[in-house]
Amino acid sequence: MVLKSVSLKGVVVKSSVSLREDQHAFAKALVGAGRFPSLSAVLQHGLELLQQQEVDAQADRAALQVLLQQRAKGSFISADQLRAKLTNPSR
């Protein structure tokens, strides 16, 4: 299958990709149902979703890193103190 891929700058690049039969049938069904104008549009949308997923995952990792750094600067309690707090939460 040959498809068109749009970069961030809008330049169209033709690429050849291999799909499993079920993937091809699914993409064709989406086009047939009118959800997308072409197989290329289906694949482009899928790549855009993957790009957004990666951006979101990077943001999550960065936020977690900040949280871990903040926590590392805080006070720590021993395992015994933690057990005591869990056993008697009103303390």
Protein backbone atom coordinates (compact mmCIF):
# COMPACT_ATOMS: atom_id res chain seq x y z
CA MET A 1 0.00 0.00 0.00
CA VAL A 2 1.25 3.48 -0.81
CA LEU A 3 0.10 6.30 1.40
CA LYS A 4 0.62 10.00 1.76
CA SER A 5 2.00 11.27 5.03
CA VAL A 6 1.76 14.90 6.10
CA SER A 7 4.63 16.29 8.18
CA LEU A 8 4.29 19.18 10.59
CA LYS A 9 5.37 21.52 7.81
CA GLY A 10 2.65 20.24 5.49
CA VAL A 11 5.01 18.58 3.02
CA VAL A 12 3.49 15.39 1.66
CA VAL A 13 5.77 12.37 1.52
CA LYS A 14 4.74 9.12 -0.13
CA SER A 15 5.57 6.02 1.86
CA SER A 16 4.98 2.35 1.45
CA VAL A 17 3.67 0.44 4.47
CA SER A 18 2.70 -3.15 5.10
CA LEU A 19 -0.50 -3.94 6.96
CA ARG A 20 -1.96 -7.19 8.17
CA GLU A 21 -5.13 -8.21 6.36
CA ASP A 22 -7.29 -7.37 9.38
CA GLN A 23 -5.72 -3.91 9.70
CA HIS A 24 -6.27 -3.23 6.00
CA ALA A 25 -9.88 -4.41 6.22
CA PHE A 26 -10.49 -2.24 9.28
CA ALA A 27 -9.02 0.85 7.60
CA LYS A 28 -11.05 0.21 4.44
CA ALA A 29 -14.20 -0.20 6.55
CA LEU A 30 -13.56 3.20 8.17
CA VAL A 31 -13.22 4.75 4.72
CA GLY A 32 -16.30 2.89 3.47
CA ALA A 33 -18.32 4.16 6.44
CA GLY A 34 -17.33 7.73 5.57
CA ARG A 35 -15.25 8.28 8.70
CA PHE A 36 -12.14 9.07 6.64
CA PRO A 37 -11.67 10.10 3.01
CA SER A 38 -8.85 7.62 2.33
CA LEU A 39 -6.64 4.90 3.75
CA SER A 40 -3.89 7.49 4.06
CA ALA A 41 -6.14 9.64 6.24
CA VAL A 42 -6.82 6.65 8.52
CA LEU A 43 -3.11 5.99 8.97
CA GLN A 44 -2.31 9.68 9.41
CA HIS A 45 -4.93 9.93 12.15
CA GLY A 46 -3.48 6.86 13.86
CA LEU A 47 -0.01 8.40 13.79
CA GLU A 48 -1.35 11.68 15.17
CA LEU A 49 -2.92 9.76 18.05
CA LEU A 50 0.38 8.00 18.74
CA GLN A 51 2.22 11.34 18.66
CA GLN A 52 -0.23 12.82 21.17
CA GLN A 53 0.06 9.72 23.34
CA GLU A 54 3.84 10.12 23.37
CA VAL A 55 3.60 13.83 24.23
CA ASP A 56 1.20 12.98 27.07
CA ALA A 57 3.48 10.20 28.35
CA GLN A 58 6.49 12.56 28.32
CA ALA A 59 4.49 15.15 30.28
CA ASP A 60 3.45 12.48 32.79
CA ARG A 61 7.05 11.34 33.23
CA ALA A 62 8.21 14.93 33.72
CA ALA A 63 5.49 15.57 36.32
CA LEU A 64 6.37 12.35 38.12
CA GLN A 65 10.05 13.31 38.13
CA VAL A 66 9.20 16.67 39.71
CA LEU A 67 7.00 14.96 42.29
CA LEU A 68 9.75 12.47 43.14
CA GLN A 69 12.30 15.25 43.48
CA GLN A 70 9.97 17.19 45.78
CA ARG A 71 9.34 14.07 47.84
CA ALA A 72 13.05 13.31 48.09
CA LYS A 73 13.57 16.74 49.67
CA GLY A 74 10.91 16.06 52.30
CA SER A 75 11.10 14.20 55.56
CA PHE A 76 11.02 10.43 55.71
CA ILE A 77 9.68 8.11 58.37
CA SER A 78 10.90 4.68 59.31
CA ALA A 79 9.02 1.49 58.47
CA ASP A 80 8.08 1.14 62.14
CA GLN A 81 6.65 4.68 62.17
CA LEU A 82 4.67 3.91 59.02
CA ARG A 83 3.27 0.70 60.52
CA ALA A 84 2.26 2.62 63.65
CA LYS A 85 0.48 5.25 61.53
CA LEU A 86 -1.34 2.58 59.56
CA THR A 87 -2.33 0.71 62.71
CA ASN A 88 -3.50 3.84 64.54
CA PRO A 89 -4.42 6.47 61.92
CA SER A 90 -5.64 9.00 64.53
CA ARG A 91 -2.08 9.65 65.70
